[in-house]
Each structure stands twice: as C-alpha cells, then as structure tokens.
C-alpha cells in the first residue's frame, strides 16, 4: 500500500513515521528503543535482520518493475573496463583496446532490441544491465538512443560504482546482496548476452548457465560475444572431454560476433525445452 492509498481502514505507516518526528524531545523519545522499527536504520542493519533485508531487496525492484509494466528483459553482462572506442588509446592493455569494438556492438544491439520492443508496446525485452561503465553503459546507451527505457542493477562495491548516465532513473536500482541482484537479472530474462569481461562477468555467466543446465531456469538464447576471447580463456571442450560436463551442455550457448547475428538468433528462437524456474522464486 502507498501513502496515497485510502482503501485500507488502517492508518498508514508513512503518516505515523512523519508524526513520530514531531513528538516532545525527552530522554524516552530520544532512546533508540522508541523509534518505529521500520524507521530505525540501526535496527534494520543488525545481523538478525538479514532475512528482512534480503526480502526487501527482492521486493523493491520487483514491485517497481511491475508498476512500470516491465514484462521481460534482455540481459547484457560484460566488462566494466572495456572502453569506448574513442577512449581505447587510454586502455590499460592492448587487449582491452581491441575489445573496445564490443562497446559499439553492445550499443547497437541494445538500440535494435529496444526499437523492436517499442514497436510491440515497449513492455517486453527491456534491456537490463549492471548499471555501471563499459559494456553495461553501452547497453543502456543504446536503449536511450532508441528512445526506450532500460534497467540498471547496480551494487555497492568497495570502490564505489556510480550508475551510468543512460539508465532510466526510475529503473536504476542499488543492491547490497549479490544473490538477490542475480535473481533480478534472470527472473524476467528472455535472452542472456555475455560480452568479454572479468571475474564478475564469469561469475554471472556460469551462474546463469548452471541454472539452465540443471533445469532451474528455462532455456533462453544464451549468446557469447567474441568466440576468440571466450575460447582463449576457457577450454570448453576440455570440460566435456574430462566428463565434468556433458557434450550436450556445450549446446546451451552460442558464439556470436555481431549485434545483427545475435538479434537474428533471438528473433528466430524456437526453444522447446521444459520451462524451469529460479531457485526460491
């Protein structure tokens, strides 16, 4: 219920929170015990309240996305350190400079997908990124160029990562818990696109693949941009040869090089795998 909802017979919590700020200043009213529990930041941050904080981080984005009418998403994972092509001369390595081309591919891909979404009403296949720089920025940038909305799922890091300038402000979220953030990446995903990246990208990629492999998430187009990059850092065939994965697990994803190739796969996707679900959903 919102503070504007008058259908409930009960006094709303927002009114009581405001009223509580104007009580007489006494030792009793200054005591932490007197604060309303839901208005007490110190109380909410106690270790014992972790289950409540987990629930809040699940509910807040879920409710706001529902209110915004977001029905499904296309998720972009990729490196925060990949520079814009115009900035590649300042890249810390030559490899990063070379990978700058994927900034443009992610931007082009997001623009095309957003244009298609708008043509269908603008509620499906909304671009969703981690909200930061690099490939994430490129995805939100492309969506903004198309005149559509996009989602940014930021997370608090030791070295603060501010949201990029292209995320739709009303859909710019911030998380404390990586696990809940991952759930929001995948709960509405109609496709997952993985661009070159580091530990975070690898973590997100393998988490998502594991959910699909184990039937905990339905099959969706799972696209890895840049075959040369991915085959250099991961020996996929060695995993199958060792028997630690099945040969058919290598069919859970496809390599692509361009935005146009990825869009073609998504548009012609006809998966018939049984629908799974996200753990805990």
C-alpha atoms as a PDB file:
ATOM      1  CA  UNK A   1       0.000   0.000   0.000  1.00  0.00           C
ATOM      2  CA  UNK A   2       1.227   3.525  -0.736  1.00  0.00           C
ATOM      3  CA  UNK A   3       0.592   6.595   1.395  1.00  0.00           C
ATOM      4  CA  UNK A   4      -1.925   7.699  -1.257  1.00  0.00           C
ATOM      5  CA  UNK A   5      -3.955   4.520  -0.973  1.00  0.00           C
ATOM      6  CA  UNK A   6      -7.131   5.253   1.031  1.00  0.00           C
ATOM      7  CA  UNK A   7      -8.794   1.856   0.547  1.00  0.00           C
ATOM      8  CA  UNK A   8      -7.418   0.424   3.798  1.00  0.00           C
ATOM      9  CA  UNK A   9      -9.244   1.149   7.049  1.00  0.00           C
ATOM     10  CA  UNK A  10      -5.933   1.357   8.890  1.00  0.00           C
ATOM     11  CA  UNK A  11      -3.720   4.385   9.414  1.00  0.00           C
ATOM     12  CA  UNK A  12      -0.780   4.122   7.031  1.00  0.00           C
ATOM     13  CA  UNK A  13       2.797   3.689   8.192  1.00  0.00           C
ATOM     14  CA  UNK A  14       4.083   6.761   6.368  1.00  0.00           C
ATOM     15  CA  UNK A  15       1.792   9.033   8.387  1.00  0.00           C
ATOM     16  CA  UNK A  16       2.953   7.542  11.661  1.00  0.00           C
ATOM     17  CA  UNK A  17       6.579   7.907  10.632  1.00  0.00           C
ATOM     18  CA  UNK A  18       6.036  11.617   9.947  1.00  0.00           C
ATOM     19  CA  UNK A  19       4.095  12.113  13.164  1.00  0.00           C
ATOM     20  CA  UNK A  20       6.781  10.399  15.214  1.00  0.00           C
ATOM     21  CA  UNK A  21       9.279  13.053  14.130  1.00  0.00           C
ATOM     22  CA  UNK A  22       7.307  15.747  15.998  1.00  0.00           C
ATOM     23  CA  UNK A  23       6.966  14.182  19.454  1.00  0.00           C
ATOM     24  CA  UNK A  24       8.342  16.027  22.507  1.00  0.00           C
ATOM     25  CA  UNK A  25      12.111  15.824  22.948  1.00  0.00           C
ATOM     26  CA  UNK A  26      12.592  13.722  26.084  1.00  0.00           C
ATOM     27  CA  UNK A  27      15.062  11.031  27.199  1.00  0.00           C
ATOM     28  CA  UNK A  28      12.407   8.485  26.366  1.00  0.00           C
ATOM     29  CA  UNK A  29      11.710   9.710  22.822  1.00  0.00           C
ATOM     30  CA  UNK A  30      15.471  10.035  22.112  1.00  0.00           C
ATOM     31  CA  UNK A  31      16.104   6.429  23.102  1.00  0.00           C
ATOM     32  CA  UNK A  32      16.672   4.000  20.168  1.00  0.00           C
ATOM     33  CA  UNK A  33      14.063   1.667  21.618  1.00  0.00           C
ATOM     34  CA  UNK A  34      11.341   4.280  20.956  1.00  0.00           C
ATOM     35  CA  UNK A  35      11.981   4.525  17.218  1.00  0.00           C
ATOM     36  CA  UNK A  36       9.493   2.843  14.914  1.00  0.00           C
ATOM     37  CA  UNK A  37      11.133  -0.417  13.878  1.00  0.00           C
ATOM     38  CA  UNK A  38      10.772   0.235  10.138  1.00  0.00           C
ATOM     39  CA  UNK A  39      12.204   3.763  10.542  1.00  0.00           C
ATOM     40  CA  UNK A  40      15.214   2.649  12.604  1.00  0.00           C
ATOM     41  CA  UNK A  41      18.226   2.281  10.291  1.00  0.00           C
ATOM     42  CA  UNK A  42      20.470   0.907  13.030  1.00  0.00           C
ATOM     43  CA  UNK A  43      17.933  -1.750  13.871  1.00  0.00           C
ATOM     44  CA  UNK A  44      17.364  -2.712  10.221  1.00  0.00           C
ATOM     45  CA  UNK A  45      21.122  -3.151   9.726  1.00  0.00           C
ATOM     46  CA  UNK A  46      21.555  -5.626  12.587  1.00  0.00           C
ATOM     47  CA  UNK A  47      22.732  -9.119  11.672  1.00  0.00           C
ATOM     48  CA  UNK A  48      19.482 -10.624  12.912  1.00  0.00           C
ATOM     49  CA  UNK A  49      17.545  -8.558  10.350  1.00  0.00           C
ATOM     50  CA  UNK A  50      19.389 -10.031   7.354  1.00  0.00           C
ATOM     51  CA  UNK A  51      16.345 -12.106   6.275  1.00  0.00           C
ATOM     52  CA  UNK A  52      14.235  -8.939   6.257  1.00  0.00           C
ATOM     53  CA  UNK A  53      16.841  -7.041   4.211  1.00  0.00           C
ATOM     54  CA  UNK A  54      17.008  -9.900   1.716  1.00  0.00           C
ATOM     55  CA  UNK A  55      13.233  -9.780   1.352  1.00  0.00           C
ATOM     56  CA  UNK A  56      13.266  -6.003   0.899  1.00  0.00           C
ATOM     57  CA  UNK A  57      15.902  -6.211  -1.830  1.00  0.00           C
ATOM     58  CA  UNK A  58      13.810  -8.804  -3.609  1.00  0.00           C
ATOM     59  CA  UNK A  59      10.541  -6.906  -3.233  1.00  0.00           C
ATOM     60  CA  UNK A  60      11.506  -3.319  -4.037  1.00  0.00           C
ATOM     61  CA  UNK A  61      12.749  -3.869  -7.623  1.00  0.00           C
ATOM     62  CA  UNK A  62      10.069  -6.490  -8.242  1.00  0.00           C
ATOM     63  CA  UNK A  63       7.274  -4.123  -7.256  1.00  0.00           C
ATOM     64  CA  UNK A  64       8.669  -1.132  -9.137  1.00  0.00           C
ATOM     65  CA  UNK A  65       9.291  -3.160 -12.302  1.00  0.00           C
ATOM     66  CA  UNK A  66       5.735  -4.486 -12.105  1.00  0.00           C
ATOM     67  CA  UNK A  67       4.388  -0.966 -11.664  1.00  0.00           C
ATOM     68  CA  UNK A  68       6.412   0.160 -14.676  1.00  0.00           C
ATOM     69  CA  UNK A  69       4.944  -2.627 -16.770  1.00  0.00           C
ATOM     70  CA  UNK A  70       8.185  -4.488 -17.472  1.00  0.00           C
ATOM     71  CA  UNK A  71       7.187  -7.970 -18.618  1.00  0.00           C
ATOM     72  CA  UNK A  72      10.515  -9.371 -19.818  1.00  0.00           C
ATOM     73  CA  UNK A  73      14.134  -8.369 -20.270  1.00  0.00           C
ATOM     74  CA  UNK A  74      17.204  -8.962 -22.399  1.00  0.00           C
ATOM     75  CA  UNK A  75      20.218  -9.131 -20.101  1.00  0.00           C
ATOM     76  CA  UNK A  76      23.670  -7.828 -21.009  1.00  0.00           C
ATOM     77  CA  UNK A  77      26.675  -8.947 -18.956  1.00  0.00           C
ATOM     78  CA  UNK A  78      30.174  -7.686 -19.722  1.00  0.00           C
ATOM     79  CA  UNK A  79      33.308  -5.976 -18.522  1.00  0.00           C
ATOM     80  CA  UNK A  80      33.211  -2.609 -16.782  1.00  0.00           C
ATOM     81  CA  UNK A  81      36.751  -1.933 -18.012  1.00  0.00           C
ATOM     82  CA  UNK A  82      36.037  -2.206 -21.727  1.00  0.00           C
ATOM     83  CA  UNK A  83      36.498   1.347 -23.035  1.00  0.00           C
ATOM     84  CA  UNK A  84      34.501   3.300 -25.531  1.00  0.00           C
ATOM     85  CA  UNK A  85      36.203   3.120 -28.937  1.00  0.00           C
ATOM     86  CA  UNK A  86      37.113   6.820 -28.737  1.00  0.00           C
ATOM     87  CA  UNK A  87      38.877   6.154 -25.423  1.00  0.00           C
ATOM     88  CA  UNK A  88      40.738   2.981 -26.372  1.00  0.00           C
ATOM     89  CA  UNK A  89      44.087   4.796 -26.608  1.00  0.00           C
ATOM     90  CA  UNK A  90      43.941   5.112 -22.806  1.00  0.00           C
ATOM     91  CA  UNK A  91      43.187   1.431 -22.198  1.00  0.00           C
ATOM     92  CA  UNK A  92      45.476  -0.261 -19.688  1.00  0.00           C
ATOM     93  CA  UNK A  93      46.211  -3.151 -22.084  1.00  0.00           C
ATOM     94  CA  UNK A  94      46.184  -3.683 -25.821  1.00  0.00           C
ATOM     95  CA  UNK A  95      43.613  -6.426 -25.373  1.00  0.00           C
ATOM     96  CA  UNK A  96      41.199  -4.011 -23.719  1.00  0.00           C
ATOM     97  CA  UNK A  97      41.802  -1.545 -26.535  1.00  0.00           C
ATOM     98  CA  UNK A  98      40.971  -4.259 -29.056  1.00  0.00           C
ATOM     99  CA  UNK A  99      37.853  -5.257 -27.132  1.00  0.00           C
ATOM    100  CA  UNK A 100      36.516  -1.701 -27.359  1.00  0.00           C
ATOM    101  CA  UNK A 101      34.728  -2.748 -30.549  1.00  0.00           C
ATOM    102  CA  UNK A 102      32.287  -4.661 -28.333  1.00  0.00           C
ATOM    103  CA  UNK A 103      31.159  -1.391 -26.779  1.00  0.00           C
ATOM    104  CA  UNK A 104      29.753  -0.444 -30.164  1.00  0.00           C
ATOM    105  CA  UNK A 105      28.285  -3.928 -30.692  1.00  0.00           C
ATOM    106  CA  UNK A 106      26.536  -3.816 -27.307  1.00  0.00           C
ATOM    107  CA  UNK A 107      25.250  -0.318 -28.031  1.00  0.00           C
ATOM    108  CA  UNK A 108      23.998  -1.313 -31.479  1.00  0.00           C
ATOM    109  CA  UNK A 109      22.429  -4.485 -30.125  1.00  0.00           C
ATOM    110  CA  UNK A 110      20.601  -2.640 -27.337  1.00  0.00           C
ATOM    111  CA  UNK A 111      19.353   0.033 -29.733  1.00  0.00           C
ATOM    112  CA  UNK A 112      17.964  -2.553 -32.156  1.00  0.00           C
ATOM    113  CA  UNK A 113      16.343  -4.616 -29.415  1.00  0.00           C
ATOM    114  CA  UNK A 114      14.777  -1.526 -27.864  1.00  0.00           C
ATOM    115  CA  UNK A 115      13.402  -0.374 -31.211  1.00  0.00           C
ATOM    116  CA  UNK A 116      11.787  -3.790 -31.664  1.00  0.00           C
ATOM    117  CA  UNK A 117      10.419  -3.648 -28.117  1.00  0.00           C
ATOM    118  CA  UNK A 118       8.880  -0.216 -28.704  1.00  0.00           C
ATOM    119  CA  UNK A 119       7.220  -1.493 -31.856  1.00  0.00           C
ATOM    120  CA  UNK A 120       5.500  -4.118 -29.698  1.00  0.00           C
ATOM    121  CA  UNK A 121       4.356  -1.746 -26.977  1.00  0.00           C
ATOM    122  CA  UNK A 122       7.568  -1.256 -25.002  1.00  0.00           C
ATOM    123  CA  UNK A 123       6.921  -3.743 -22.196  1.00  0.00           C
ATOM    124  CA  UNK A 124       8.878  -6.774 -23.401  1.00  0.00           C
ATOM    125  CA  UNK A 125      12.598  -7.422 -23.929  1.00  0.00           C
ATOM    126  CA  UNK A 126      13.711  -4.381 -21.968  1.00  0.00           C
ATOM    127  CA  UNK A 127      17.493  -4.021 -21.828  1.00  0.00           C
ATOM    128  CA  UNK A 128      18.858  -4.860 -18.379  1.00  0.00           C
ATOM    129  CA  UNK A 129      22.498  -4.299 -17.360  1.00  0.00           C
ATOM    130  CA  UNK A 130      24.564  -3.997 -14.204  1.00  0.00           C
ATOM    131  CA  UNK A 131      24.216  -0.241 -14.475  1.00  0.00           C
ATOM    132  CA  UNK A 132      27.927   0.556 -14.470  1.00  0.00           C
ATOM    133  CA  UNK A 133      30.512   1.557 -17.088  1.00  0.00           C
ATOM    134  CA  UNK A 134      31.920  -0.369 -20.049  1.00  0.00           C
ATOM    135  CA  UNK A 135      29.601  -2.864 -21.707  1.00  0.00           C
ATOM    136  CA  UNK A 136      26.904  -2.024 -19.188  1.00  0.00           C
ATOM    137  CA  UNK A 137      26.962   1.621 -20.183  1.00  0.00           C
ATOM    138  CA  UNK A 138      26.885   0.636 -23.852  1.00  0.00           C
ATOM    139  CA  UNK A 139      23.694  -1.359 -23.327  1.00  0.00           C
ATOM    140  CA  UNK A 140      21.882   1.437 -21.519  1.00  0.00           C
ATOM    141  CA  UNK A 141      23.273   3.936 -24.047  1.00  0.00           C
ATOM    142  CA  UNK A 142      21.799   2.040 -26.991  1.00  0.00           C
ATOM    143  CA  UNK A 143      18.405   1.774 -25.326  1.00  0.00           C
ATOM    144  CA  UNK A 144      18.378   5.510 -24.641  1.00  0.00           C
ATOM    145  CA  UNK A 145      19.293   6.261 -28.272  1.00  0.00           C
ATOM    146  CA  UNK A 146      16.253   4.281 -29.367  1.00  0.00           C
ATOM    147  CA  UNK A 147      14.048   6.352 -27.082  1.00  0.00           C
ATOM    148  CA  UNK A 148      13.231   3.464 -24.768  1.00  0.00           C
ATOM    149  CA  UNK A 149      13.717   2.573 -21.144  1.00  0.00           C
ATOM    150  CA  UNK A 150      16.427   0.347 -19.683  1.00  0.00           C
ATOM    151  CA  UNK A 151      17.216  -1.169 -16.306  1.00  0.00           C
ATOM    152  CA  UNK A 152      20.399  -0.825 -14.250  1.00  0.00           C
ATOM    153  CA  UNK A 153      21.084  -3.213 -11.374  1.00  0.00           C
ATOM    154  CA  UNK A 154      23.960  -1.582  -9.522  1.00  0.00           C
ATOM    155  CA  UNK A 155      25.659  -2.965  -6.445  1.00  0.00           C
ATOM    156  CA  UNK A 156      27.580  -1.331  -3.627  1.00  0.00           C
ATOM    157  CA  UNK A 157      31.297  -2.067  -4.072  1.00  0.00           C
ATOM    158  CA  UNK A 158      34.378  -1.097  -2.003  1.00  0.00           C
ATOM    159  CA  UNK A 159      35.338   1.246  -4.818  1.00  0.00           C
ATOM    160  CA  UNK A 160      32.026   2.962  -5.444  1.00  0.00           C
ATOM    161  CA  UNK A 161      30.461   2.286  -8.825  1.00  0.00           C
ATOM    162  CA  UNK A 162      28.065   5.058  -9.790  1.00  0.00           C
ATOM    163  CA  UNK A 163      25.243   4.360 -12.253  1.00  0.00           C
ATOM    164  CA  UNK A 164      25.998   5.317 -15.830  1.00  0.00           C
ATOM    165  CA  UNK A 165      24.164   8.300 -17.298  1.00  0.00           C
ATOM    166  CA  UNK A 166      21.911   6.257 -19.602  1.00  0.00           C
ATOM    167  CA  UNK A 167      19.959   4.083 -17.153  1.00  0.00           C
ATOM    168  CA  UNK A 168      16.309   5.074 -16.840  1.00  0.00           C
ATOM    169  CA  UNK A 169      16.316   6.856 -13.440  1.00  0.00           C
ATOM    170  CA  UNK A 170      13.111   5.189 -12.235  1.00  0.00           C
ATOM    171  CA  UNK A 171      14.649   1.778 -13.050  1.00  0.00           C
ATOM    172  CA  UNK A 172      18.067   2.379 -11.523  1.00  0.00           C
ATOM    173  CA  UNK A 173      18.400   0.041  -8.529  1.00  0.00           C
ATOM    174  CA  UNK A 174      21.132  -0.485  -5.963  1.00  0.00           C
ATOM    175  CA  UNK A 175      21.856  -3.747  -4.160  1.00  0.00           C
ATOM    176  CA  UNK A 176      23.786  -4.943  -1.150  1.00  0.00           C
ATOM    177  CA  UNK A 177      23.306  -8.669  -1.808  1.00  0.00           C
ATOM    178  CA  UNK A 178      24.841 -10.186  -4.931  1.00  0.00           C
ATOM    179  CA  UNK A 179      22.474 -13.164  -4.717  1.00  0.00           C
ATOM    180  CA  UNK A 180      19.310 -11.048  -4.897  1.00  0.00           C
ATOM    181  CA  UNK A 181      20.788  -8.946  -7.693  1.00  0.00           C
ATOM    182  CA  UNK A 182      21.456 -12.123  -9.698  1.00  0.00           C
ATOM    183  CA  UNK A 183      17.866 -13.234  -9.228  1.00  0.00           C
ATOM    184  CA  UNK A 184      16.603  -9.941 -10.631  1.00  0.00           C
ATOM    185  CA  UNK A 185      18.895 -10.301 -13.639  1.00  0.00           C
ATOM    186  CA  UNK A 186      17.298 -13.613 -14.539  1.00  0.00           C
ATOM    187  CA  UNK A 187      13.719 -13.592 -13.254  1.00  0.00           C
ATOM    188  CA  UNK A 188      12.406 -11.864 -16.398  1.00  0.00           C
ATOM    189  CA  UNK A 189      15.157 -12.742 -18.860  1.00  0.00           C
ATOM    190  CA  UNK A 190      14.147 -13.705 -22.409  1.00  0.00           C
ATOM    191  CA  UNK A 191      17.787 -13.752 -23.524  1.00  0.00           C
ATOM    192  CA  UNK A 192      21.227 -13.522 -21.937  1.00  0.00           C
ATOM    193  CA  UNK A 193      24.114 -11.881 -23.798  1.00  0.00           C
ATOM    194  CA  UNK A 194      27.653 -12.208 -22.453  1.00  0.00           C
ATOM    195  CA  UNK A 195      30.350  -9.830 -23.641  1.00  0.00           C
ATOM    196  CA  UNK A 196      34.045 -10.130 -22.738  1.00  0.00           C
ATOM    197  CA  UNK A 197      34.698  -9.361 -19.094  1.00  0.00           C
ATOM    198  CA  UNK A 198      36.423 -10.353 -15.875  1.00  0.00           C
ATOM    199  CA  UNK A 199      35.549 -12.157 -12.649  1.00  0.00           C
ATOM    200  CA  UNK A 200      32.110 -10.558 -12.347  1.00  0.00           C
ATOM    201  CA  UNK A 201      31.154 -11.468 -15.904  1.00  0.00           C
ATOM    202  CA  UNK A 202      32.453 -15.008 -15.473  1.00  0.00           C
ATOM    203  CA  UNK A 203      30.513 -15.383 -12.240  1.00  0.00           C
ATOM    204  CA  UNK A 204      27.287 -14.193 -13.851  1.00  0.00           C
ATOM    205  CA  UNK A 205      27.829 -16.358 -16.921  1.00  0.00           C
ATOM    206  CA  UNK A 206      28.462 -19.606 -15.058  1.00  0.00           C
ATOM    207  CA  UNK A 207      25.690 -18.957 -12.536  1.00  0.00           C
ATOM    208  CA  UNK A 208      23.220 -18.488 -15.374  1.00  0.00           C
ATOM    209  CA  UNK A 209      24.498 -21.497 -17.323  1.00  0.00           C
ATOM    210  CA  UNK A 210      24.262 -23.676 -14.228  1.00  0.00           C
ATOM    211  CA  UNK A 211      20.639 -22.695 -13.662  1.00  0.00           C
ATOM    212  CA  UNK A 212      19.802 -23.622 -17.258  1.00  0.00           C
ATOM    213  CA  UNK A 213      21.893 -26.804 -17.185  1.00  0.00           C
ATOM    214  CA  UNK A 214      20.133 -28.030 -14.043  1.00  0.00           C
ATOM    215  CA  UNK A 215      16.657 -27.117 -15.250  1.00  0.00           C
ATOM    216  CA  UNK A 216      16.197 -24.428 -12.623  1.00  0.00           C
ATOM    217  CA  UNK A 217      15.730 -21.849 -15.371  1.00  0.00           C
ATOM    218  CA  UNK A 218      14.108 -22.250 -18.768  1.00  0.00           C
ATOM    219  CA  UNK A 219      16.217 -22.335 -21.908  1.00  0.00           C
ATOM    220  CA  UNK A 220      16.683 -18.901 -23.453  1.00  0.00           C
ATOM    221  CA  UNK A 221      19.064 -17.647 -26.152  1.00  0.00           C
ATOM    222  CA  UNK A 222      22.436 -17.584 -24.391  1.00  0.00           C
ATOM    223  CA  UNK A 223      24.919 -15.711 -26.553  1.00  0.00           C
ATOM    224  CA  UNK A 224      28.648 -15.233 -26.032  1.00  0.00           C
ATOM    225  CA  UNK A 225      30.051 -12.310 -27.996  1.00  0.00           C
ATOM    226  CA  UNK A 226      33.602 -12.897 -29.228  1.00  0.00           C
ATOM    227  CA  UNK A 227      34.474 -16.555 -29.836  1.00  0.00           C
ATOM    228  CA  UNK A 228      38.217 -15.857 -29.867  1.00  0.00           C
ATOM    229  CA  UNK A 229      38.090 -14.262 -26.422  1.00  0.00           C
ATOM    230  CA  UNK A 230      35.978 -16.965 -24.818  1.00  0.00           C
ATOM    231  CA  UNK A 231      37.863 -19.884 -26.346  1.00  0.00           C
ATOM    232  CA  UNK A 232      41.163 -18.377 -25.237  1.00  0.00           C
ATOM    233  CA  UNK A 233      40.223 -18.033 -21.582  1.00  0.00           C
ATOM    234  CA  UNK A 234      38.013 -21.152 -21.231  1.00  0.00           C
ATOM    235  CA  UNK A 235      38.761 -24.573 -22.674  1.00  0.00           C
ATOM    236  CA  UNK A 236      35.171 -25.628 -23.151  1.00  0.00           C
ATOM    237  CA  UNK A 237      35.989 -28.866 -24.976  1.00  0.00           C
ATOM    238  CA  UNK A 238      38.331 -29.917 -22.161  1.00  0.00           C
ATOM    239  CA  UNK A 239      35.424 -29.801 -19.727  1.00  0.00           C
ATOM    240  CA  UNK A 240      33.400 -32.101 -21.969  1.00  0.00           C
ATOM    241  CA  UNK A 241      36.386 -34.387 -22.642  1.00  0.00           C
ATOM    242  CA  UNK A 242      37.011 -34.680 -18.907  1.00  0.00           C
ATOM    243  CA  UNK A 243      33.393 -35.632 -18.352  1.00  0.00           C
ATOM    244  CA  UNK A 244      32.788 -32.831 -15.874  1.00  0.00           C
ATOM    245  CA  UNK A 245      30.074 -31.568 -18.189  1.00  0.00           C
ATOM    246  CA  UNK A 246      28.107 -33.432 -20.849  1.00  0.00           C
ATOM    247  CA  UNK A 247      28.830 -32.784 -24.535  1.00  0.00           C
ATOM    248  CA  UNK A 248      25.275 -31.520 -24.958  1.00  0.00           C
ATOM    249  CA  UNK A 249      25.953 -28.843 -22.325  1.00  0.00           C
ATOM    250  CA  UNK A 250      28.054 -27.105 -24.950  1.00  0.00           C
ATOM    251  CA  UNK A 251      24.832 -26.548 -26.870  1.00  0.00           C
ATOM    252  CA  UNK A 252      23.387 -24.362 -24.113  1.00  0.00           C
ATOM    253  CA  UNK A 253      25.154 -21.341 -25.572  1.00  0.00           C
ATOM    254  CA  UNK A 254      26.118 -19.927 -28.946  1.00  0.00           C
ATOM    255  CA  UNK A 255      29.066 -17.798 -30.037  1.00  0.00           C
ATOM    256  CA  UNK A 256      28.274 -14.622 -31.964  1.00  0.00           C
ATOM    257  CA  UNK A 257      30.398 -11.772 -33.245  1.00  0.00           C
ATOM    258  CA  UNK A 258      27.934  -9.025 -34.096  1.00  0.00           C
ATOM    259  CA  UNK A 259      24.740  -7.467 -32.835  1.00  0.00           C
ATOM    260  CA  UNK A 260      22.958  -8.409 -36.049  1.00  0.00           C
ATOM    261  CA  UNK A 261      23.908 -12.069 -35.642  1.00  0.00           C
ATOM    262  CA  UNK A 262      22.655 -12.072 -32.032  1.00  0.00           C
ATOM    263  CA  UNK A 263      19.367 -10.412 -32.980  1.00  0.00           C
ATOM    264  CA  UNK A 264      18.785 -12.945 -35.727  1.00  0.00           C
ATOM    265  CA  UNK A 265      19.142 -15.810 -33.243  1.00  0.00           C
ATOM    266  CA  UNK A 266      16.806 -14.175 -30.743  1.00  0.00           C
ATOM    267  CA  UNK A 267      14.182 -13.385 -33.355  1.00  0.00           C
ATOM    268  CA  UNK A 268      14.156 -16.956 -34.675  1.00  0.00           C
ATOM    269  CA  UNK A 269      14.389 -18.651 -31.298  1.00  0.00           C
ATOM    270  CA  UNK A 270      12.047 -21.608 -31.066  1.00  0.00           C
ATOM    271  CA  UNK A 271      13.164 -23.377 -27.926  1.00  0.00           C
ATOM    272  CA  UNK A 272      11.012 -26.286 -26.768  1.00  0.00           C
ATOM    273  CA  UNK A 273      12.861 -27.154 -23.547  1.00  0.00           C
ATOM    274  CA  UNK A 274      10.637 -27.558 -20.482  1.00  0.00           C
ATOM    275  CA  UNK A 275      10.182 -24.352 -18.525  1.00  0.00           C
ATOM    276  CA  UNK A 276      12.196 -24.254 -15.304  1.00  0.00           C
ATOM    277  CA  UNK A 277      12.363 -21.660 -12.589  1.00  0.00           C
ATOM    278  CA  UNK A 278      14.770 -19.657 -10.486  1.00  0.00           C
ATOM    279  CA  UNK A 279      15.611 -21.168  -7.093  1.00  0.00           C
ATOM    280  CA  UNK A 280      13.418 -19.653  -4.397  1.00  0.00           C
ATOM    281  CA  UNK A 281      11.023 -17.930  -6.766  1.00  0.00           C
END
